[in-house]
Amino acid sequence: MTTYTPSDYELLRRRCAHLKDQGWKQATIAQALGLTEGWVSRTLKKYRQEGQAALAWRKPHGPACRLTDEQLAQLVEELNKGAEAHGFPGQIWTRPRVNQVIKKLFGVSYDVSQVGRLLKKLEWSRQKPQPKARQQDLQRVEQWRAERLPELKKSPN
């Protein structure tokens, strides 16, 4: 089976239109170019409807966003309130947490991998977490190191 690049398909679409304009039949075009009749039919239908613009290669679009612009603005406001305002421990937003907020507010659930794209669209960047918790109580840590850690290090002998 032959594989074509997007520019190859554009050339094939242009050749189909050119041959059709010269009076060729769809079946003959398909046979001459080694294409299916269905592909030629769809190409020529788009050509009749849209003209030369239909023959150019365009990047395929994915599905439309399920949230409106107003809902996206509301989501940003909610995220700016912080994770703790939505009942999560700590101030870190994760994609699953953002997805839960979206589902709670708008009744729409995204795959977690798509939440990252949505956040990028909202111009929220990924942040690398601090290696040490900011809300850590240094006094309790020192107390644990002085009292509990030596007990854990003692050997059973």
C-alpha atoms as a PDB file:
ATOM      1  CA  MET A   1       0.000   0.000   0.000  1.00  0.00           C
ATOM      2  CA  THR A   2       1.306   3.409  -0.930  1.00  0.00           C
ATOM      3  CA  THR A   3       1.702   6.052   1.749  1.00  0.00           C
ATOM      4  CA  TYR A   4       1.414   9.687   0.828  1.00  0.00           C
ATOM      5  CA  THR A   5       2.532  12.870   2.535  1.00  0.00           C
ATOM      6  CA  PRO A   6       0.077  15.779   2.937  1.00  0.00           C
ATOM      7  CA  SER A   7       1.709  17.571  -0.013  1.00  0.00           C
ATOM      8  CA  ASP A   8       1.277  14.408  -2.134  1.00  0.00           C
ATOM      9  CA  TYR A   9      -2.442  14.411  -1.378  1.00  0.00           C
ATOM     10  CA  GLU A  10      -2.687  18.046  -2.369  1.00  0.00           C
ATOM     11  CA  LEU A  11      -1.059  17.218  -5.720  1.00  0.00           C
ATOM     12  CA  LEU A  12      -3.459  14.295  -6.182  1.00  0.00           C
ATOM     13  CA  ARG A  13      -6.467  16.507  -5.404  1.00  0.00           C
ATOM     14  CA  ARG A  14      -5.257  19.107  -7.911  1.00  0.00           C
ATOM     15  CA  ARG A  15      -4.675  16.403 -10.535  1.00  0.00           C
ATOM     16  CA  CYS A  16      -8.176  14.990  -9.923  1.00  0.00           C
ATOM     17  CA  ALA A  17      -9.754  18.412 -10.421  1.00  0.00           C
ATOM     18  CA  HIS A  18      -7.664  19.056 -13.533  1.00  0.00           C
ATOM     19  CA  LEU A  19      -8.662  15.731 -15.093  1.00  0.00           C
ATOM     20  CA  LYS A  20     -12.324  16.278 -14.217  1.00  0.00           C
ATOM     21  CA  ASP A  21     -12.187  19.725 -15.825  1.00  0.00           C
ATOM     22  CA  GLN A  22     -10.853  18.005 -18.961  1.00  0.00           C
ATOM     23  CA  GLY A  23     -13.939  15.774 -19.020  1.00  0.00           C
ATOM     24  CA  TRP A  24     -12.658  12.569 -17.417  1.00  0.00           C
ATOM     25  CA  LYS A  25     -15.072  10.343 -15.479  1.00  0.00           C
ATOM     26  CA  GLN A  26     -14.543   9.697 -11.765  1.00  0.00           C
ATOM     27  CA  ALA A  27     -13.921   5.976 -12.219  1.00  0.00           C
ATOM     28  CA  THR A  28     -11.322   6.662 -14.907  1.00  0.00           C
ATOM     29  CA  ILE A  29      -9.564   9.251 -12.727  1.00  0.00           C
ATOM     30  CA  ALA A  30      -9.454   6.821  -9.795  1.00  0.00           C
ATOM     31  CA  GLN A  31      -8.044   4.049 -11.970  1.00  0.00           C
ATOM     32  CA  ALA A  32      -5.460   6.310 -13.630  1.00  0.00           C
ATOM     33  CA  LEU A  33      -4.170   7.728 -10.334  1.00  0.00           C
ATOM     34  CA  GLY A  34      -4.438   4.483  -8.345  1.00  0.00           C
ATOM     35  CA  LEU A  35      -7.026   5.905  -5.921  1.00  0.00           C
ATOM     36  CA  THR A  36     -10.379   4.680  -4.712  1.00  0.00           C
ATOM     37  CA  GLU A  37     -13.510   5.989  -6.407  1.00  0.00           C
ATOM     38  CA  GLY A  38     -14.796   7.152  -3.027  1.00  0.00           C
ATOM     39  CA  TRP A  39     -11.718   9.314  -2.429  1.00  0.00           C
ATOM     40  CA  VAL A  40     -12.008  10.857  -5.894  1.00  0.00           C
ATOM     41  CA  SER A  41     -15.740  11.426  -5.387  1.00  0.00           C
ATOM     42  CA  ARG A  42     -15.232  13.226  -2.043  1.00  0.00           C
ATOM     43  CA  THR A  43     -12.399  15.300  -3.499  1.00  0.00           C
ATOM     44  CA  LEU A  44     -14.445  16.403  -6.504  1.00  0.00           C
ATOM     45  CA  LYS A  45     -17.489  17.163  -4.354  1.00  0.00           C
ATOM     46  CA  LYS A  46     -15.403  19.480  -2.142  1.00  0.00           C
ATOM     47  CA  TYR A  47     -13.900  21.013  -5.292  1.00  0.00           C
ATOM     48  CA  ARG A  48     -17.390  21.752  -6.689  1.00  0.00           C
ATOM     49  CA  GLN A  49     -18.494  23.282  -3.378  1.00  0.00           C
ATOM     50  CA  GLU A  50     -15.392  25.278  -2.409  1.00  0.00           C
ATOM     51  CA  GLY A  51     -13.367  25.671  -5.597  1.00  0.00           C
ATOM     52  CA  GLN A  52      -9.559  25.755  -5.607  1.00  0.00           C
ATOM     53  CA  ALA A  53      -9.427  26.369  -1.837  1.00  0.00           C
ATOM     54  CA  ALA A  54     -10.709  22.818  -1.257  1.00  0.00           C
ATOM     55  CA  LEU A  55      -7.637  21.356  -2.954  1.00  0.00           C
ATOM     56  CA  ALA A  56      -5.064  22.939  -0.640  1.00  0.00           C
ATOM     57  CA  TRP A  57      -3.711  20.998   2.314  1.00  0.00           C
ATOM     58  CA  ARG A  58      -4.961  22.169   5.703  1.00  0.00           C
ATOM     59  CA  LYS A  59      -3.960  20.996   9.099  1.00  0.00           C
ATOM     60  CA  PRO A  60      -6.827  18.866  10.430  1.00  0.00           C
ATOM     61  CA  HIS A  61      -8.680  20.393  13.336  1.00  0.00           C
ATOM     62  CA  GLY A  62      -9.573  18.432  16.422  1.00  0.00           C
ATOM     63  CA  PRO A  63     -12.944  18.634  18.118  1.00  0.00           C
ATOM     64  CA  ALA A  64     -14.078  21.980  19.464  1.00  0.00           C
ATOM     65  CA  CYS A  65     -13.464  22.776  23.126  1.00  0.00           C
ATOM     66  CA  ARG A  66     -16.386  21.613  25.266  1.00  0.00           C
ATOM     67  CA  LEU A  67     -16.093  24.712  27.464  1.00  0.00           C
ATOM     68  CA  THR A  68     -17.178  28.146  26.283  1.00  0.00           C
ATOM     69  CA  ASP A  69     -14.912  31.181  26.564  1.00  0.00           C
ATOM     70  CA  GLU A  70     -16.965  32.354  29.562  1.00  0.00           C
ATOM     71  CA  GLN A  71     -16.532  28.984  31.259  1.00  0.00           C
ATOM     72  CA  LEU A  72     -12.784  29.071  30.604  1.00  0.00           C
ATOM     73  CA  ALA A  73     -12.602  32.539  32.176  1.00  0.00           C
ATOM     74  CA  GLN A  74     -14.573  31.259  35.169  1.00  0.00           C
ATOM     75  CA  LEU A  75     -12.212  28.276  35.432  1.00  0.00           C
ATOM     76  CA  VAL A  76      -9.203  30.620  35.602  1.00  0.00           C
ATOM     77  CA  GLU A  77     -10.913  32.574  38.398  1.00  0.00           C
ATOM     78  CA  GLU A  78     -11.552  29.367  40.306  1.00  0.00           C
ATOM     79  CA  LEU A  79      -8.003  28.119  39.831  1.00  0.00           C
ATOM     80  CA  ASN A  80      -6.652  31.460  41.039  1.00  0.00           C
ATOM     81  CA  LYS A  81      -8.486  30.891  44.331  1.00  0.00           C
ATOM     82  CA  GLY A  82      -6.095  28.010  44.980  1.00  0.00           C
ATOM     83  CA  ALA A  83      -6.409  24.265  45.427  1.00  0.00           C
ATOM     84  CA  GLU A  84      -7.211  24.534  49.140  1.00  0.00           C
ATOM     85  CA  ALA A  85     -10.302  26.637  48.354  1.00  0.00           C
ATOM     86  CA  HIS A  86     -11.621  23.603  46.485  1.00  0.00           C
ATOM     87  CA  GLY A  87     -10.901  21.165  49.300  1.00  0.00           C
ATOM     88  CA  PHE A  88      -7.520  19.838  48.199  1.00  0.00           C
ATOM     89  CA  PRO A  89      -4.610  19.652  50.639  1.00  0.00           C
ATOM     90  CA  GLY A  90      -1.775  22.014  49.692  1.00  0.00           C
ATOM     91  CA  GLN A  91      -1.711  24.687  47.037  1.00  0.00           C
ATOM     92  CA  ILE A  92      -0.527  22.488  44.171  1.00  0.00           C
ATOM     93  CA  TRP A  93      -2.772  22.108  41.156  1.00  0.00           C
ATOM     94  CA  THR A  94      -2.456  18.774  39.376  1.00  0.00           C
ATOM     95  CA  ARG A  95      -4.218  17.791  36.184  1.00  0.00           C
ATOM     96  CA  PRO A  96      -6.527  15.323  38.008  1.00  0.00           C
ATOM     97  CA  ARG A  97      -7.444  18.062  40.498  1.00  0.00           C
ATOM     98  CA  VAL A  98      -8.182  20.549  37.730  1.00  0.00           C
ATOM     99  CA  ASN A  99     -10.276  17.894  35.997  1.00  0.00           C
ATOM    100  CA  GLN A 100     -12.300  17.381  39.201  1.00  0.00           C
ATOM    101  CA  VAL A 101     -12.964  21.125  39.418  1.00  0.00           C
ATOM    102  CA  ILE A 102     -14.055  21.226  35.765  1.00  0.00           C
ATOM    103  CA  LYS A 103     -16.390  18.293  36.324  1.00  0.00           C
ATOM    104  CA  LYS A 104     -17.844  19.844  39.497  1.00  0.00           C
ATOM    105  CA  LEU A 105     -18.375  23.293  37.965  1.00  0.00           C
ATOM    106  CA  PHE A 106     -19.419  22.476  34.423  1.00  0.00           C
ATOM    107  CA  GLY A 107     -20.334  18.785  34.354  1.00  0.00           C
ATOM    108  CA  VAL A 108     -17.689  18.107  31.700  1.00  0.00           C
ATOM    109  CA  SER A 109     -14.984  15.494  32.151  1.00  0.00           C
ATOM    110  CA  TYR A 110     -11.746  15.505  30.202  1.00  0.00           C
ATOM    111  CA  ASP A 111      -9.102  12.850  29.887  1.00  0.00           C
ATOM    112  CA  VAL A 112      -6.265  13.879  32.203  1.00  0.00           C
ATOM    113  CA  SER A 113      -3.875  14.134  29.265  1.00  0.00           C
ATOM    114  CA  GLN A 114      -6.150  16.754  27.679  1.00  0.00           C
ATOM    115  CA  VAL A 115      -6.317  18.882  30.818  1.00  0.00           C
ATOM    116  CA  GLY A 116      -2.668  19.817  30.264  1.00  0.00           C
ATOM    117  CA  ARG A 117      -3.529  21.112  26.784  1.00  0.00           C
ATOM    118  CA  LEU A 118      -6.452  23.054  28.191  1.00  0.00           C
ATOM    119  CA  LEU A 119      -4.209  24.640  30.828  1.00  0.00           C
ATOM    120  CA  LYS A 120      -1.679  25.543  28.140  1.00  0.00           C
ATOM    121  CA  LYS A 121      -4.478  27.229  26.186  1.00  0.00           C
ATOM    122  CA  LEU A 122      -5.233  29.244  29.337  1.00  0.00           C
ATOM    123  CA  GLU A 123      -1.509  30.161  29.497  1.00  0.00           C
ATOM    124  CA  TRP A 124      -0.926  28.256  32.721  1.00  0.00           C
ATOM    125  CA  SER A 125       2.569  26.794  32.723  1.00  0.00           C
ATOM    126  CA  ARG A 126       3.799  23.636  34.385  1.00  0.00           C
ATOM    127  CA  GLN A 127       5.639  24.301  37.588  1.00  0.00           C
ATOM    128  CA  LYS A 128       8.295  22.115  39.113  1.00  0.00           C
ATOM    129  CA  PRO A 129       7.374  21.396  42.733  1.00  0.00           C
ATOM    130  CA  GLN A 130       9.668  22.604  45.505  1.00  0.00           C
ATOM    131  CA  PRO A 131      11.953  19.774  46.720  1.00  0.00           C
ATOM    132  CA  LYS A 132      10.967  20.616  50.297  1.00  0.00           C
ATOM    133  CA  ALA A 133       7.438  21.357  51.427  1.00  0.00           C
ATOM    134  CA  ARG A 134       6.965  25.068  52.122  1.00  0.00           C
ATOM    135  CA  GLN A 135       4.427  24.395  54.869  1.00  0.00           C
ATOM    136  CA  GLN A 136       6.923  22.181  56.702  1.00  0.00           C
ATOM    137  CA  ASP A 137       7.352  22.890  60.433  1.00  0.00           C
ATOM    138  CA  LEU A 138      11.138  23.105  60.868  1.00  0.00           C
ATOM    139  CA  GLN A 139      10.939  22.744  64.660  1.00  0.00           C
ATOM    140  CA  ARG A 140       9.031  19.457  64.387  1.00  0.00           C
ATOM    141  CA  VAL A 141      11.474  18.181  61.762  1.00  0.00           C
ATOM    142  CA  GLU A 142      14.448  18.895  64.036  1.00  0.00           C
ATOM    143  CA  GLN A 143      12.663  17.244  66.947  1.00  0.00           C
ATOM    144  CA  TRP A 144      11.981  14.141  64.827  1.00  0.00           C
ATOM    145  CA  ARG A 145      15.617  14.002  63.704  1.00  0.00           C
ATOM    146  CA  ALA A 146      16.851  14.295  67.291  1.00  0.00           C
ATOM    147  CA  GLU A 147      14.422  11.833  68.914  1.00  0.00           C
ATOM    148  CA  ARG A 148      12.932   9.406  66.407  1.00  0.00           C
ATOM    149  CA  LEU A 149      15.643   9.025  63.772  1.00  0.00           C
ATOM    150  CA  PRO A 150      18.277   7.646  66.208  1.00  0.00           C
ATOM    151  CA  GLU A 151      15.772   4.998  67.364  1.00  0.00           C
ATOM    152  CA  LEU A 152      15.192   3.936  63.767  1.00  0.00           C
ATOM    153  CA  LYS A 153      18.924   3.694  63.097  1.00  0.00           C
ATOM    154  CA  LYS A 154      19.629   1.451  66.090  1.00  0.00           C
ATOM    155  CA  SER A 155      20.535  -2.037  65.046  1.00  0.00           C
ATOM    156  CA  PRO A 156      18.646  -5.004  66.560  1.00  0.00           C
ATOM    157  CA  ASN A 157      21.933  -6.551  67.893  1.00  0.00           C
END
